[in-house]
Amino acid sequence: MAPPNDKLIATREIDAPADAIFALLADPRRHVELDGSGYMRSDQDASQITGTGEVFTMNMSGDHMGGDYQSENHVTAYEKNKQLAWKTAPAGQKPPGWQWEWDLEPITDGSTKVTLTYDWSEVTDEEILAKLHFPFVPQSGLDESLSKLVSAVS
């Protein structure tokens, strides 16, 4: 069976308990440490994520947006110590359909299987699809995020 062409998935076993990993993921102030895309610069007065419907803002930079910009991240899934996901949009805009999802599966008390999914299956705007050429962040960016998570949670 061929892999889907509208998402990328990276998985890694990390020697840390799920609650420690989740606490880090739920803190947008730490997201720059995990960024495998190279676009994140800092959080914008973010606080700990505590549930779906919340929005946190990140300061970003990239040629695709003409330099510095802000992204708003709309939390779409929150299951403490198990799952955290958000849809990203340029500040002040409705999310156009791509989502970042972190899934945590405890293996032992001290290790966790972490899966990071970058899913653009809900992007339908032809202009966005032409401009961003999905996947906008390559597989190596997801792999790098997992490597950075190992360092950050150590």
N, C-alpha and C. Protein backbone atom coordinates (compact mmCIF):
# COMPACT_ATOMS: atom_id res chain seq x y z
N MET A 1 0.84 -1.19 0.00
CA MET A 1 0.00 0.00 0.00
C MET A 1 0.88 1.24 0.00
N ALA A 2 0.60 2.17 -0.87
CA ALA A 2 1.39 3.40 -0.98
C ALA A 2 1.09 4.34 0.18
N PRO A 3 2.10 5.09 0.64
CA PRO A 3 1.84 6.06 1.72
C PRO A 3 0.93 7.17 1.21
N PRO A 4 0.20 7.81 2.12
CA PRO A 4 -0.68 8.92 1.69
C PRO A 4 0.17 10.06 1.12
N ASN A 5 -0.39 10.80 0.17
CA ASN A 5 0.36 11.91 -0.40
C ASN A 5 -0.09 13.25 0.16
N ASP A 6 -0.82 13.22 1.28
CA ASP A 6 -1.28 14.45 1.90
C ASP A 6 -0.88 14.54 3.37
N LYS A 7 0.11 13.75 3.76
CA LYS A 7 0.63 13.85 5.13
C LYS A 7 2.00 13.20 5.20
N LEU A 8 2.76 13.66 6.18
CA LEU A 8 4.05 13.06 6.52
C LEU A 8 3.97 12.63 7.97
N ILE A 9 4.62 11.51 8.27
CA ILE A 9 4.58 10.96 9.63
C ILE A 9 5.99 10.55 10.02
N ALA A 10 6.38 10.93 11.23
CA ALA A 10 7.66 10.52 11.80
C ALA A 10 7.39 9.93 13.17
N THR A 11 8.06 8.84 13.49
CA THR A 11 7.87 8.15 14.76
C THR A 11 9.23 7.83 15.37
N ARG A 12 9.28 7.94 16.68
CA ARG A 12 10.53 7.64 17.38
C ARG A 12 10.23 7.24 18.81
N GLU A 13 10.98 6.27 19.31
CA GLU A 13 10.89 5.92 20.73
C GLU A 13 11.84 6.85 21.48
N ILE A 14 11.30 7.47 22.53
CA ILE A 14 12.08 8.44 23.31
C ILE A 14 12.14 7.97 24.75
N ASP A 15 13.34 8.02 25.31
CA ASP A 15 13.55 7.60 26.69
C ASP A 15 13.13 8.69 27.66
N ALA A 16 11.83 8.87 27.76
CA ALA A 16 11.24 9.83 28.69
C ALA A 16 9.77 9.43 28.86
N PRO A 17 9.21 9.67 30.04
CA PRO A 17 7.80 9.33 30.24
C PRO A 17 6.88 10.26 29.45
N ALA A 18 5.72 9.76 29.10
CA ALA A 18 4.75 10.52 28.30
C ALA A 18 4.37 11.84 28.97
N ASP A 19 4.23 11.86 30.29
CA ASP A 19 3.82 13.10 30.95
C ASP A 19 4.87 14.20 30.81
N ALA A 20 6.16 13.84 30.85
CA ALA A 20 7.23 14.83 30.68
C ALA A 20 7.26 15.37 29.25
N ILE A 21 7.06 14.49 28.28
CA ILE A 21 7.03 14.90 26.88
C ILE A 21 5.83 15.79 26.62
N PHE A 22 4.67 15.38 27.13
CA PHE A 22 3.46 16.15 26.90
C PHE A 22 3.58 17.55 27.52
N ALA A 23 4.13 17.64 28.72
CA ALA A 23 4.30 18.95 29.37
C ALA A 23 5.12 19.89 28.50
N LEU A 24 6.15 19.36 27.86
CA LEU A 24 6.98 20.17 26.98
C LEU A 24 6.20 20.59 25.73
N LEU A 25 5.49 19.65 25.12
CA LEU A 25 4.72 19.95 23.91
C LEU A 25 3.60 20.94 24.18
N ALA A 26 3.03 20.90 25.37
CA ALA A 26 1.91 21.78 25.71
C ALA A 26 2.37 23.18 26.13
N ASP A 27 3.67 23.43 26.06
CA ASP A 27 4.22 24.73 26.42
C ASP A 27 4.79 25.40 25.16
N PRO A 28 4.01 26.27 24.51
CA PRO A 28 4.48 26.91 23.27
C PRO A 28 5.79 27.68 23.43
N ARG A 29 6.11 28.08 24.64
CA ARG A 29 7.37 28.79 24.86
C ARG A 29 8.56 27.90 24.56
N ARG A 30 8.35 26.57 24.52
CA ARG A 30 9.42 25.61 24.25
C ARG A 30 9.44 25.14 22.79
N HIS A 31 8.45 25.54 22.00
CA HIS A 31 8.34 25.02 20.64
C HIS A 31 9.53 25.38 19.73
N VAL A 32 10.15 26.51 19.96
CA VAL A 32 11.31 26.88 19.15
C VAL A 32 12.40 25.82 19.29
N GLU A 33 12.52 25.24 20.48
CA GLU A 33 13.52 24.20 20.72
C GLU A 33 13.26 22.96 19.87
N LEU A 34 12.03 22.76 19.45
CA LEU A 34 11.63 21.55 18.72
C LEU A 34 11.52 21.76 17.22
N ASP A 35 11.66 22.98 16.77
CA ASP A 35 11.38 23.33 15.39
C ASP A 35 12.37 22.72 14.41
N GLY A 36 11.89 21.80 13.59
CA GLY A 36 12.71 21.22 12.54
C GLY A 36 12.54 21.92 11.21
N SER A 37 11.65 22.91 11.15
CA SER A 37 11.39 23.62 9.89
C SER A 37 12.34 24.79 9.68
N GLY A 38 12.82 25.38 10.78
CA GLY A 38 13.68 26.55 10.70
C GLY A 38 12.94 27.87 10.59
N TYR A 39 11.60 27.84 10.69
CA TYR A 39 10.82 29.06 10.54
C TYR A 39 10.47 29.74 11.87
N MET A 40 10.42 29.01 12.95
CA MET A 40 10.02 29.58 14.24
C MET A 40 11.13 30.44 14.82
N ARG A 41 10.71 31.56 15.42
CA ARG A 41 11.66 32.45 16.08
C ARG A 41 11.40 32.54 17.58
N SER A 42 10.12 32.66 17.98
CA SER A 42 9.78 32.75 19.41
C SER A 42 8.26 32.65 19.56
N ASP A 43 7.84 32.48 20.80
CA ASP A 43 6.41 32.54 21.07
C ASP A 43 6.01 34.00 21.26
N GLN A 44 4.73 34.26 21.17
CA GLN A 44 4.20 35.62 21.38
C GLN A 44 3.33 35.59 22.63
N ASP A 45 3.97 35.72 23.79
CA ASP A 45 3.26 35.73 25.07
C ASP A 45 2.35 34.51 25.23
N ALA A 46 2.84 33.34 24.85
CA ALA A 46 2.04 32.12 24.93
C ALA A 46 2.03 31.58 26.36
N SER A 47 1.00 30.84 26.68
CA SER A 47 0.94 30.16 27.96
C SER A 47 0.65 28.68 27.71
N GLN A 48 0.74 27.91 28.75
CA GLN A 48 0.54 26.46 28.67
C GLN A 48 -0.80 26.14 28.01
N ILE A 49 -0.80 25.21 27.09
CA ILE A 49 -2.03 24.75 26.43
C ILE A 49 -2.76 23.83 27.41
N THR A 50 -4.06 24.09 27.59
CA THR A 50 -4.83 23.28 28.53
C THR A 50 -6.07 22.65 27.92
N GLY A 51 -6.34 22.91 26.63
CA GLY A 51 -7.51 22.28 26.03
C GLY A 51 -7.74 22.71 24.59
N THR A 52 -8.69 22.05 23.95
CA THR A 52 -9.03 22.38 22.57
C THR A 52 -9.70 23.76 22.52
N GLY A 53 -9.61 24.38 21.36
CA GLY A 53 -10.20 25.69 21.17
C GLY A 53 -9.27 26.83 21.51
N GLU A 54 -8.20 26.56 22.22
CA GLU A 54 -7.23 27.61 22.55
C GLU A 54 -6.43 27.98 21.30
N VAL A 55 -5.87 29.18 21.32
CA VAL A 55 -5.03 29.65 20.22
C VAL A 55 -3.75 30.20 20.82
N PHE A 56 -2.62 29.79 20.26
CA PHE A 56 -1.34 30.37 20.67
C PHE A 56 -0.64 30.91 19.43
N THR A 57 0.12 31.98 19.63
CA THR A 57 0.76 32.69 18.52
C THR A 57 2.26 32.51 18.57
N MET A 58 2.84 32.27 17.38
CA MET A 58 4.28 32.12 17.27
C MET A 58 4.82 33.17 16.30
N ASN A 59 6.00 33.69 16.62
CA ASN A 59 6.71 34.60 15.72
C ASN A 59 7.55 33.74 14.77
N MET A 60 7.40 34.00 13.49
CA MET A 60 8.01 33.17 12.46
C MET A 60 8.79 34.06 11.48
N SER A 61 9.57 33.42 10.61
CA SER A 61 10.25 34.13 9.55
C SER A 61 10.50 33.18 8.39
N GLY A 62 10.19 33.64 7.19
CA GLY A 62 10.43 32.83 6.00
C GLY A 62 10.18 33.62 4.74
N ASP A 63 10.95 33.31 3.72
CA ASP A 63 10.81 34.00 2.44
C ASP A 63 9.41 33.81 1.85
N HIS A 64 8.80 32.66 2.12
CA HIS A 64 7.46 32.37 1.58
C HIS A 64 6.42 33.38 2.05
N MET A 65 6.70 34.07 3.16
CA MET A 65 5.78 35.08 3.70
C MET A 65 6.40 36.48 3.65
N GLY A 66 7.50 36.62 2.92
CA GLY A 66 8.13 37.92 2.77
C GLY A 66 8.95 38.35 3.97
N GLY A 67 9.36 37.40 4.81
CA GLY A 67 10.17 37.72 5.99
C GLY A 67 9.44 37.36 7.27
N ASP A 68 9.46 38.28 8.24
CA ASP A 68 8.86 38.01 9.55
C ASP A 68 7.34 38.05 9.48
N TYR A 69 6.71 37.15 10.23
CA TYR A 69 5.25 37.09 10.32
C TYR A 69 4.87 36.35 11.59
N GLN A 70 3.59 36.31 11.89
CA GLN A 70 3.08 35.56 13.03
C GLN A 70 2.12 34.49 12.54
N SER A 71 2.14 33.36 13.22
CA SER A 71 1.17 32.30 12.95
C SER A 71 0.33 32.09 14.20
N GLU A 72 -0.95 31.86 13.97
CA GLU A 72 -1.86 31.51 15.06
C GLU A 72 -2.13 30.01 14.94
N ASN A 73 -2.04 29.34 16.07
CA ASN A 73 -2.18 27.90 16.11
C ASN A 73 -3.42 27.55 16.93
N HIS A 74 -4.41 26.97 16.26
CA HIS A 74 -5.71 26.66 16.85
C HIS A 74 -5.71 25.21 17.32
N VAL A 75 -5.78 25.01 18.63
CA VAL A 75 -5.69 23.67 19.20
C VAL A 75 -6.95 22.87 18.85
N THR A 76 -6.75 21.75 18.17
CA THR A 76 -7.85 20.92 17.68
C THR A 76 -7.99 19.60 18.43
N ALA A 77 -6.94 19.19 19.12
CA ALA A 77 -6.99 17.95 19.90
C ALA A 77 -6.14 18.12 21.15
N TYR A 78 -6.68 17.68 22.26
CA TYR A 78 -5.95 17.76 23.53
C TYR A 78 -6.42 16.59 24.39
N GLU A 79 -5.54 15.63 24.55
CA GLU A 79 -5.79 14.53 25.48
C GLU A 79 -4.52 14.40 26.29
N LYS A 80 -4.58 14.86 27.53
CA LYS A 80 -3.39 14.98 28.37
C LYS A 80 -2.56 13.70 28.35
N ASN A 81 -1.27 13.91 28.09
CA ASN A 81 -0.25 12.87 28.04
C ASN A 81 -0.42 11.89 26.89
N LYS A 82 -1.35 12.17 25.95
CA LYS A 82 -1.58 11.26 24.83
C LYS A 82 -1.57 11.94 23.47
N GLN A 83 -2.25 13.09 23.34
CA GLN A 83 -2.38 13.70 22.02
C GLN A 83 -2.52 15.22 22.14
N LEU A 84 -1.84 15.91 21.20
CA LEU A 84 -1.95 17.36 21.10
C LEU A 84 -1.83 17.71 19.61
N ALA A 85 -2.78 18.50 19.12
CA ALA A 85 -2.76 18.89 17.70
C ALA A 85 -3.26 20.31 17.55
N TRP A 86 -2.78 20.96 16.47
CA TRP A 86 -3.25 22.31 16.16
C TRP A 86 -3.19 22.55 14.66
N LYS A 87 -4.09 23.42 14.22
CA LYS A 87 -4.08 23.89 12.83
C LYS A 87 -3.48 25.28 12.83
N THR A 88 -2.60 25.52 11.87
CA THR A 88 -1.85 26.76 11.79
C THR A 88 -2.42 27.67 10.72
N ALA A 89 -2.39 28.98 11.01
CA ALA A 89 -2.87 29.99 10.06
C ALA A 89 -2.05 31.26 10.23
N PRO A 90 -1.89 32.04 9.16
CA PRO A 90 -1.32 33.37 9.34
C PRO A 90 -2.19 34.15 10.34
N ALA A 91 -1.59 34.98 11.17
CA ALA A 91 -2.31 35.72 12.20
C ALA A 91 -3.52 36.43 11.62
N GLY A 92 -4.65 36.28 12.29
CA GLY A 92 -5.87 36.95 11.89
C GLY A 92 -6.67 36.23 10.81
N GLN A 93 -6.20 35.06 10.39
CA GLN A 93 -6.89 34.33 9.33
C GLN A 93 -7.41 32.99 9.84
N LYS A 94 -8.36 32.44 9.15
CA LYS A 94 -8.90 31.12 9.46
C LYS A 94 -7.87 30.07 9.00
N PRO A 95 -7.66 29.00 9.78
CA PRO A 95 -6.72 27.96 9.35
C PRO A 95 -7.13 27.39 7.99
N PRO A 96 -6.17 27.35 7.04
CA PRO A 96 -6.49 26.86 5.71
C PRO A 96 -6.47 25.35 5.56
N GLY A 97 -6.14 24.62 6.63
CA GLY A 97 -6.31 23.18 6.54
C GLY A 97 -5.14 22.29 6.89
N TRP A 98 -3.96 22.84 7.20
CA TRP A 98 -2.90 21.93 7.60
C TRP A 98 -2.83 21.85 9.10
N GLN A 99 -2.41 20.68 9.58
CA GLN A 99 -2.41 20.41 11.02
C GLN A 99 -1.13 19.69 11.42
N TRP A 100 -0.70 20.00 12.62
CA TRP A 100 0.42 19.32 13.28
C TRP A 100 -0.16 18.51 14.43
N GLU A 101 0.19 17.25 14.51
CA GLU A 101 -0.36 16.38 15.56
C GLU A 101 0.76 15.57 16.20
N TRP A 102 0.75 15.59 17.52
CA TRP A 102 1.69 14.79 18.31
C TRP A 102 0.89 13.72 19.04
N ASP A 103 1.28 12.46 18.87
CA ASP A 103 0.64 11.34 19.57
C ASP A 103 1.69 10.63 20.41
N LEU A 104 1.33 10.36 21.66
CA LEU A 104 2.25 9.74 22.61
C LEU A 104 1.67 8.41 23.07
N GLU A 105 2.50 7.38 23.02
CA GLU A 105 2.09 6.05 23.45
C GLU A 105 3.14 5.51 24.40
N PRO A 106 2.82 5.43 25.71
CA PRO A 106 3.81 4.89 26.65
C PRO A 106 4.20 3.46 26.28
N ILE A 107 5.50 3.21 26.33
CA ILE A 107 6.01 1.86 26.10
C ILE A 107 6.32 1.22 27.44
N THR A 108 7.03 1.95 28.28
CA THR A 108 7.30 1.58 29.67
C THR A 108 7.10 2.85 30.49
N ASP A 109 7.34 2.77 31.79
CA ASP A 109 7.21 3.96 32.62
C ASP A 109 8.19 5.06 32.20
N GLY A 110 9.30 4.67 31.58
CA GLY A 110 10.32 5.65 31.24
C GLY A 110 10.54 5.86 29.76
N SER A 111 9.73 5.26 28.90
CA SER A 111 9.91 5.49 27.46
C SER A 111 8.55 5.61 26.77
N THR A 112 8.56 6.36 25.67
CA THR A 112 7.33 6.70 24.97
C THR A 112 7.55 6.64 23.46
N LYS A 113 6.60 6.06 22.76
CA LYS A 113 6.59 6.13 21.30
C LYS A 113 5.92 7.44 20.92
N VAL A 114 6.64 8.31 20.21
CA VAL A 114 6.14 9.62 19.82
C VAL A 114 5.96 9.64 18.31
N THR A 115 4.77 10.03 17.87
CA THR A 115 4.48 10.15 16.45
C THR A 115 4.10 11.59 16.16
N LEU A 116 4.78 12.18 15.20
CA LEU A 116 4.50 13.53 14.74
C LEU A 116 3.94 13.44 13.32
N THR A 117 2.74 13.99 13.14
CA THR A 117 2.09 13.97 11.84
C THR A 117 1.87 15.39 11.34
N TYR A 118 2.26 15.61 10.11
CA TYR A 118 2.03 16.88 9.40
C TYR A 118 1.03 16.53 8.30
N ASP A 119 -0.19 17.03 8.46
CA ASP A 119 -1.30 16.62 7.59
C ASP A 119 -1.88 17.85 6.89
N TRP A 120 -1.84 17.83 5.57
CA TRP A 120 -2.41 18.93 4.78
C TRP A 120 -3.59 18.44 3.94
N SER A 121 -4.20 17.36 4.36
CA SER A 121 -5.29 16.76 3.58
C SER A 121 -6.53 17.65 3.49
N GLU A 122 -6.68 18.60 4.41
CA GLU A 122 -7.86 19.47 4.38
C GLU A 122 -7.61 20.79 3.65
N VAL A 123 -6.43 20.97 3.07
CA VAL A 123 -6.15 22.18 2.30
C VAL A 123 -6.81 22.01 0.93
N THR A 124 -7.75 22.89 0.62
CA THR A 124 -8.47 22.81 -0.65
C THR A 124 -8.31 24.06 -1.50
N ASP A 125 -7.81 25.12 -0.92
CA ASP A 125 -7.63 26.37 -1.65
C ASP A 125 -6.51 26.21 -2.68
N GLU A 126 -6.87 26.28 -3.95
CA GLU A 126 -5.91 26.06 -5.04
C GLU A 126 -4.76 27.06 -5.00
N GLU A 127 -5.03 28.30 -4.60
CA GLU A 127 -3.99 29.32 -4.52
C GLU A 127 -2.94 28.93 -3.47
N ILE A 128 -3.41 28.47 -2.31
CA ILE A 128 -2.49 28.04 -1.25
C ILE A 128 -1.70 26.81 -1.70
N LEU A 129 -2.40 25.86 -2.32
CA LEU A 129 -1.72 24.65 -2.80
C LEU A 129 -0.63 24.98 -3.82
N ALA A 130 -0.88 25.97 -4.67
CA ALA A 130 0.11 26.36 -5.66
C ALA A 130 1.27 27.14 -5.04
N LYS A 131 0.95 27.98 -4.06
CA LYS A 131 1.96 28.83 -3.44
C LYS A 131 2.91 28.04 -2.53
N LEU A 132 2.37 27.12 -1.73
CA LEU A 132 3.18 26.46 -0.72
C LEU A 132 3.79 25.14 -1.17
N HIS A 133 3.30 24.54 -2.21
CA HIS A 133 3.88 23.30 -2.73
C HIS A 133 4.09 22.26 -1.62
N PHE A 134 3.01 21.74 -1.11
CA PHE A 134 3.06 20.75 -0.04
C PHE A 134 3.80 19.50 -0.48
N PRO A 135 4.54 18.88 0.44
CA PRO A 135 4.71 19.28 1.83
C PRO A 135 5.67 20.47 1.95
N PHE A 136 5.22 21.48 2.64
CA PHE A 136 6.00 22.69 2.81
C PHE A 136 7.20 22.42 3.72
N VAL A 137 6.99 21.61 4.74
CA VAL A 137 8.07 21.15 5.60
C VAL A 137 8.36 19.70 5.18
N PRO A 138 9.60 19.38 4.84
CA PRO A 138 9.92 18.03 4.37
C PRO A 138 9.98 17.00 5.51
N GLN A 139 10.04 15.74 5.11
CA GLN A 139 10.16 14.65 6.09
C GLN A 139 11.33 14.88 7.03
N SER A 140 12.43 15.37 6.50
CA SER A 140 13.61 15.62 7.34
C SER A 140 13.32 16.63 8.46
N GLY A 141 12.39 17.57 8.21
CA GLY A 141 12.01 18.53 9.24
C GLY A 141 11.29 17.86 10.40
N LEU A 142 10.43 16.89 10.10
CA LEU A 142 9.74 16.15 11.16
C LEU A 142 10.74 15.30 11.94
N ASP A 143 11.63 14.63 11.21
CA ASP A 143 12.66 13.82 11.87
C ASP A 143 13.52 14.68 12.79
N GLU A 144 13.86 15.89 12.31
CA GLU A 144 14.65 16.82 13.10
C GLU A 144 13.89 17.26 14.35
N SER A 145 12.59 17.49 14.24
CA SER A 145 11.79 17.86 15.40
C SER A 145 11.83 16.77 16.47
N LEU A 146 11.75 15.52 16.04
CA LEU A 146 11.82 14.42 17.01
C LEU A 146 13.19 14.34 17.66
N SER A 147 14.24 14.57 16.89
CA SER A 147 15.59 14.58 17.45
C SER A 147 15.75 15.72 18.47
N LYS A 148 15.18 16.87 18.14
CA LYS A 148 15.24 18.00 19.06
C LYS A 148 14.41 17.75 20.31
N LEU A 149 13.30 17.03 20.15
CA LEU A 149 12.49 16.66 21.32
C LEU A 149 13.29 15.81 22.28
N VAL A 150 14.08 14.86 21.75
CA VAL A 150 14.94 14.04 22.61
C VAL A 150 15.84 14.92 23.43
N SER A 151 16.50 15.88 22.81
CA SER A 151 17.41 16.78 23.53
C SER A 151 16.67 17.65 24.55
N ALA A 152 15.51 18.16 24.16
CA ALA A 152 14.77 19.08 25.03
C ALA A 152 14.20 18.39 26.27
N VAL A 153 13.84 17.13 26.14
CA VAL A 153 13.20 16.43 27.26
C VAL A 153 14.23 15.75 28.16
N SER A 154 15.49 15.74 27.73
CA SER A 154 16.56 15.10 28.53
C SER A 154 16.90 15.92 29.76
